[in-house]
Amino acid sequence: MIPLISILLVLASVLLIVVVFVQNPKGGGLSSDFGAAQQLGGVQRTNDFIEKATWTLAAVILVASIGLTTMMKPAKAKEQPKKEQPGGQKPGTPGQQPTQ
């Protein structure tokens, strides 16, 4: 399930980048590229679609990020190896005397 959500997250991110690049910061966007099509009424629908796509993709990224974060299990801390005691005797080996 985690790989599926990760792929969805990456795909939504790339699509959001593409949708943002299509928009014009001055409000023209794709509508300015159509020229005479402004008289047909299709321009407003194009801008609405791009705006809805932007918000939808942003919401998908938000939900997928939160879902992925809650599904991830925290990594268990590895047990520290026991250090040798001074004098050359290892812990857990009783009865041995250090050699000098």
N, C-alpha and C. Protein backbone atom coordinates (compact mmCIF):
# COMPACT_ATOMS: atom_id res chain seq x y z
N MET A 1 0.82 -1.20 0.00
CA MET A 1 0.00 0.00 0.00
C MET A 1 0.86 1.26 0.00
N ILE A 2 1.98 1.19 0.72
CA ILE A 2 2.87 2.36 0.79
C ILE A 2 3.46 2.70 -0.58
N PRO A 3 3.91 1.71 -1.36
CA PRO A 3 4.43 2.07 -2.70
C PRO A 3 3.36 2.68 -3.60
N LEU A 4 2.12 2.22 -3.48
CA LEU A 4 1.04 2.76 -4.30
C LEU A 4 0.78 4.23 -3.97
N ILE A 5 0.75 4.55 -2.69
CA ILE A 5 0.53 5.94 -2.27
C ILE A 5 1.74 6.80 -2.67
N SER A 6 2.93 6.24 -2.59
CA SER A 6 4.13 6.99 -3.00
C SER A 6 4.09 7.33 -4.49
N ILE A 7 3.68 6.36 -5.30
CA ILE A 7 3.58 6.60 -6.74
C ILE A 7 2.50 7.65 -7.02
N LEU A 8 1.37 7.56 -6.32
CA LEU A 8 0.30 8.54 -6.48
C LEU A 8 0.78 9.94 -6.10
N LEU A 9 1.57 10.02 -5.04
CA LEU A 9 2.09 11.30 -4.57
C LEU A 9 3.04 11.92 -5.60
N VAL A 10 3.93 11.12 -6.16
CA VAL A 10 4.87 11.62 -7.16
C VAL A 10 4.13 12.04 -8.43
N LEU A 11 3.16 11.23 -8.86
CA LEU A 11 2.40 11.55 -10.07
C LEU A 11 1.60 12.84 -9.89
N ALA A 12 0.96 12.99 -8.74
CA ALA A 12 0.19 14.22 -8.48
C ALA A 12 1.11 15.44 -8.43
N SER A 13 2.30 15.27 -7.89
CA SER A 13 3.25 16.39 -7.82
C SER A 13 3.69 16.83 -9.22
N VAL A 14 3.99 15.87 -10.07
CA VAL A 14 4.42 16.20 -11.44
C VAL A 14 3.27 16.86 -12.20
N LEU A 15 2.06 16.33 -12.05
CA LEU A 15 0.91 16.95 -12.73
C LEU A 15 0.65 18.35 -12.22
N LEU A 16 0.83 18.58 -10.93
CA LEU A 16 0.63 19.92 -10.39
C LEU A 16 1.65 20.90 -10.97
N ILE A 17 2.88 20.45 -11.14
CA ILE A 17 3.90 21.31 -11.76
C ILE A 17 3.48 21.68 -13.19
N VAL A 18 2.99 20.69 -13.93
CA VAL A 18 2.57 20.95 -15.31
C VAL A 18 1.40 21.92 -15.35
N VAL A 19 0.42 21.72 -14.47
CA VAL A 19 -0.76 22.60 -14.45
C VAL A 19 -0.37 24.02 -14.07
N VAL A 20 0.55 24.17 -13.14
CA VAL A 20 0.98 25.51 -12.73
C VAL A 20 1.74 26.20 -13.88
N PHE A 21 2.53 25.46 -14.62
CA PHE A 21 3.24 26.06 -15.75
C PHE A 21 2.28 26.49 -16.86
N VAL A 22 1.16 25.80 -17.00
CA VAL A 22 0.19 26.15 -18.04
C VAL A 22 -0.49 27.47 -17.71
N GLN A 23 -0.66 27.76 -16.44
CA GLN A 23 -1.34 28.99 -16.03
C GLN A 23 -0.49 30.21 -16.32
N ASN A 24 -1.16 31.31 -16.58
CA ASN A 24 -0.49 32.58 -16.79
C ASN A 24 -0.65 33.39 -15.50
N PRO A 25 0.43 33.91 -14.93
CA PRO A 25 0.30 34.64 -13.67
C PRO A 25 -0.52 35.91 -13.77
N LYS A 26 -0.72 36.41 -14.98
CA LYS A 26 -1.50 37.64 -15.15
C LYS A 26 -2.98 37.35 -15.38
N GLY A 27 -3.36 36.08 -15.32
CA GLY A 27 -4.77 35.73 -15.45
C GLY A 27 -5.16 35.28 -16.85
N GLY A 28 -4.28 35.36 -17.81
CA GLY A 28 -4.62 34.95 -19.17
C GLY A 28 -4.63 33.45 -19.32
N GLY A 29 -3.55 32.82 -18.94
CA GLY A 29 -3.45 31.36 -19.01
C GLY A 29 -3.65 30.84 -20.41
N LEU A 30 -4.32 29.73 -20.51
CA LEU A 30 -4.60 29.15 -21.82
C LEU A 30 -5.59 29.98 -22.61
N SER A 31 -6.39 30.79 -21.94
CA SER A 31 -7.42 31.56 -22.65
C SER A 31 -6.80 32.57 -23.62
N SER A 32 -5.65 33.11 -23.32
CA SER A 32 -5.04 34.08 -24.21
C SER A 32 -4.49 33.41 -25.47
N ASP A 33 -4.25 32.11 -25.42
CA ASP A 33 -3.73 31.40 -26.58
C ASP A 33 -4.82 31.11 -27.60
N PHE A 34 -6.08 31.19 -27.21
CA PHE A 34 -7.16 30.84 -28.12
C PHE A 34 -7.62 32.01 -28.98
N GLY A 35 -7.36 33.21 -28.58
CA GLY A 35 -7.69 34.38 -29.40
C GLY A 35 -9.16 34.49 -29.73
N ALA A 36 -9.56 34.05 -30.92
CA ALA A 36 -10.95 34.18 -31.38
C ALA A 36 -11.89 33.28 -30.60
N ALA A 37 -11.39 32.31 -29.91
CA ALA A 37 -12.25 31.39 -29.16
C ALA A 37 -12.90 32.08 -27.97
N GLN A 38 -12.48 33.29 -27.66
CA GLN A 38 -13.09 34.01 -26.55
C GLN A 38 -14.56 34.30 -26.83
N GLN A 39 -14.89 34.40 -28.07
CA GLN A 39 -16.28 34.68 -28.44
C GLN A 39 -17.15 33.44 -28.30
N LEU A 40 -16.55 32.28 -28.25
CA LEU A 40 -17.32 31.04 -28.19
C LEU A 40 -17.71 30.66 -26.76
N GLY A 41 -17.07 31.21 -25.77
CA GLY A 41 -17.42 30.91 -24.39
C GLY A 41 -16.67 29.73 -23.80
N GLY A 42 -15.74 29.15 -24.54
CA GLY A 42 -15.00 27.99 -24.03
C GLY A 42 -13.83 28.38 -23.16
N VAL A 43 -13.46 29.64 -23.18
CA VAL A 43 -12.29 30.09 -22.42
C VAL A 43 -12.53 30.02 -20.92
N GLN A 44 -13.70 30.44 -20.50
CA GLN A 44 -13.99 30.44 -19.07
C GLN A 44 -13.96 29.03 -18.52
N ARG A 45 -14.45 28.07 -19.31
CA ARG A 45 -14.42 26.68 -18.85
C ARG A 45 -12.99 26.17 -18.76
N THR A 46 -12.12 26.61 -19.64
CA THR A 46 -10.72 26.20 -19.59
C THR A 46 -10.06 26.71 -18.32
N ASN A 47 -10.29 27.97 -18.01
CA ASN A 47 -9.72 28.54 -16.78
C ASN A 47 -10.28 27.86 -15.54
N ASP A 48 -11.58 27.57 -15.54
CA ASP A 48 -12.18 26.88 -14.41
C ASP A 48 -11.59 25.49 -14.23
N PHE A 49 -11.39 24.79 -15.35
CA PHE A 49 -10.82 23.45 -15.27
C PHE A 49 -9.40 23.49 -14.71
N ILE A 50 -8.60 24.42 -15.16
CA ILE A 50 -7.22 24.51 -14.68
C ILE A 50 -7.19 24.87 -13.20
N GLU A 51 -8.07 25.76 -12.78
CA GLU A 51 -8.12 26.14 -11.37
C GLU A 51 -8.57 24.96 -10.50
N LYS A 52 -9.58 24.24 -10.96
CA LYS A 52 -10.06 23.07 -10.20
C LYS A 52 -9.00 21.97 -10.17
N ALA A 53 -8.29 21.80 -11.28
CA ALA A 53 -7.23 20.79 -11.32
C ALA A 53 -6.12 21.14 -10.33
N THR A 54 -5.79 22.42 -10.23
CA THR A 54 -4.75 22.86 -9.30
C THR A 54 -5.15 22.54 -7.86
N TRP A 55 -6.38 22.92 -7.49
CA TRP A 55 -6.83 22.67 -6.11
C TRP A 55 -6.99 21.18 -5.83
N THR A 56 -7.48 20.42 -6.80
CA THR A 56 -7.65 18.98 -6.60
C THR A 56 -6.31 18.29 -6.42
N LEU A 57 -5.34 18.62 -7.25
CA LEU A 57 -4.02 18.01 -7.13
C LEU A 57 -3.35 18.40 -5.82
N ALA A 58 -3.52 19.63 -5.39
CA ALA A 58 -2.96 20.06 -4.11
C ALA A 58 -3.60 19.27 -2.96
N ALA A 59 -4.91 19.04 -3.04
CA ALA A 59 -5.59 18.27 -2.00
C ALA A 59 -5.14 16.81 -2.01
N VAL A 60 -4.94 16.24 -3.19
CA VAL A 60 -4.46 14.86 -3.30
C VAL A 60 -3.07 14.74 -2.67
N ILE A 61 -2.20 15.70 -2.95
CA ILE A 61 -0.86 15.69 -2.37
C ILE A 61 -0.92 15.79 -0.85
N LEU A 62 -1.78 16.66 -0.34
CA LEU A 62 -1.93 16.82 1.11
C LEU A 62 -2.42 15.53 1.77
N VAL A 63 -3.47 14.95 1.23
CA VAL A 63 -4.05 13.74 1.82
C VAL A 63 -3.08 12.57 1.70
N ALA A 64 -2.42 12.43 0.55
CA ALA A 64 -1.47 11.34 0.37
C ALA A 64 -0.27 11.49 1.30
N SER A 65 0.19 12.70 1.51
CA SER A 65 1.32 12.92 2.42
C SER A 65 0.96 12.57 3.86
N ILE A 66 -0.22 13.00 4.29
CA ILE A 66 -0.66 12.69 5.65
C ILE A 66 -0.88 11.18 5.80
N GLY A 67 -1.51 10.57 4.81
CA GLY A 67 -1.74 9.12 4.86
C GLY A 67 -0.45 8.33 4.88
N LEU A 68 0.49 8.73 4.06
CA LEU A 68 1.78 8.04 4.01
C LEU A 68 2.54 8.19 5.32
N THR A 69 2.45 9.36 5.92
CA THR A 69 3.13 9.59 7.19
C THR A 69 2.54 8.74 8.30
N THR A 70 1.24 8.60 8.33
CA THR A 70 0.61 7.80 9.39
C THR A 70 0.81 6.31 9.18
N MET A 71 1.00 5.88 7.94
CA MET A 71 1.19 4.45 7.66
C MET A 71 2.62 3.98 7.90
N MET A 72 3.56 4.89 7.84
CA MET A 72 4.97 4.51 8.02
C MET A 72 5.21 4.11 9.46
N LYS A 73 5.92 3.01 9.64
CA LYS A 73 6.27 2.56 10.98
C LYS A 73 7.61 3.20 11.36
N PRO A 74 7.73 3.64 12.60
CA PRO A 74 9.01 4.21 12.99
C PRO A 74 10.09 3.13 13.04
N ALA A 75 11.27 3.49 12.62
CA ALA A 75 12.38 2.54 12.62
C ALA A 75 12.80 2.24 14.05
N LYS A 76 12.99 0.96 14.34
CA LYS A 76 13.41 0.59 15.68
C LYS A 76 14.89 0.90 15.84
N ALA A 77 15.23 1.40 17.01
CA ALA A 77 16.63 1.73 17.29
C ALA A 77 17.41 0.43 17.46
N LYS A 78 18.55 0.36 16.83
CA LYS A 78 19.40 -0.82 16.95
C LYS A 78 20.01 -0.84 18.35
N GLU A 79 20.17 -2.04 18.85
CA GLU A 79 20.76 -2.18 20.18
C GLU A 79 22.25 -1.88 20.10
N GLN A 80 22.72 -1.07 21.03
CA GLN A 80 24.13 -0.70 21.07
C GLN A 80 24.96 -1.92 21.45
N PRO A 81 26.05 -2.20 20.73
CA PRO A 81 26.91 -3.31 21.14
C PRO A 81 27.59 -2.97 22.47
N LYS A 82 27.71 -4.00 23.30
CA LYS A 82 28.32 -3.77 24.61
C LYS A 82 29.80 -3.51 24.45
N LYS A 83 30.27 -2.53 25.17
CA LYS A 83 31.68 -2.16 25.10
C LYS A 83 32.49 -3.08 26.01
N GLU A 84 33.73 -3.28 25.62
CA GLU A 84 34.62 -4.08 26.46
C GLU A 84 34.97 -3.32 27.72
N GLN A 85 35.07 -4.08 28.81
CA GLN A 85 35.44 -3.46 30.07
C GLN A 85 36.95 -3.26 30.09
N PRO A 86 37.40 -2.29 30.85
CA PRO A 86 38.84 -2.09 30.95
C PRO A 86 39.53 -3.34 31.47
N GLY A 87 40.67 -3.63 30.95
CA GLY A 87 41.43 -4.79 31.38
C GLY A 87 41.29 -5.95 30.41
N GLY A 88 40.57 -5.77 29.35
CA GLY A 88 40.47 -6.79 28.33
C GLY A 88 39.37 -7.81 28.57
N GLN A 89 38.67 -7.78 29.69
CA GLN A 89 37.62 -8.75 29.95
C GLN A 89 36.33 -8.30 29.30
N LYS A 90 35.73 -9.18 28.54
CA LYS A 90 34.46 -8.85 27.89
C LYS A 90 33.33 -9.07 28.88
N PRO A 91 32.31 -8.26 28.80
CA PRO A 91 31.17 -8.51 29.68
C PRO A 91 30.50 -9.83 29.29
N GLY A 92 30.06 -10.56 30.25
CA GLY A 92 29.40 -11.82 29.99
C GLY A 92 30.34 -12.99 29.97
N THR A 93 31.62 -12.82 30.26
CA THR A 93 32.56 -13.94 30.35
C THR A 93 33.11 -13.98 31.76
N PRO A 94 32.35 -14.54 32.67
CA PRO A 94 32.79 -14.56 34.06
C PRO A 94 33.91 -15.53 34.30
N GLY A 95 34.70 -15.24 35.29
CA GLY A 95 35.76 -16.14 35.71
C GLY A 95 37.05 -16.01 34.94
N GLN A 96 37.13 -15.23 33.94
CA GLN A 96 38.37 -15.09 33.20
C GLN A 96 39.13 -13.90 33.76
N GLN A 97 40.39 -14.10 33.94
CA GLN A 97 41.23 -13.03 34.41
C GLN A 97 41.93 -12.38 33.22
N PRO A 98 42.06 -11.08 33.27
CA PRO A 98 42.78 -10.41 32.17
C PRO A 98 44.24 -10.82 32.18
N THR A 99 44.78 -11.03 31.01
CA THR A 99 46.20 -11.37 30.87
C THR A 99 47.01 -10.12 30.69
N GLN A 100 48.18 -10.13 31.32
CA GLN A 100 49.02 -8.94 31.22
C GLN A 100 50.37 -9.27 30.67
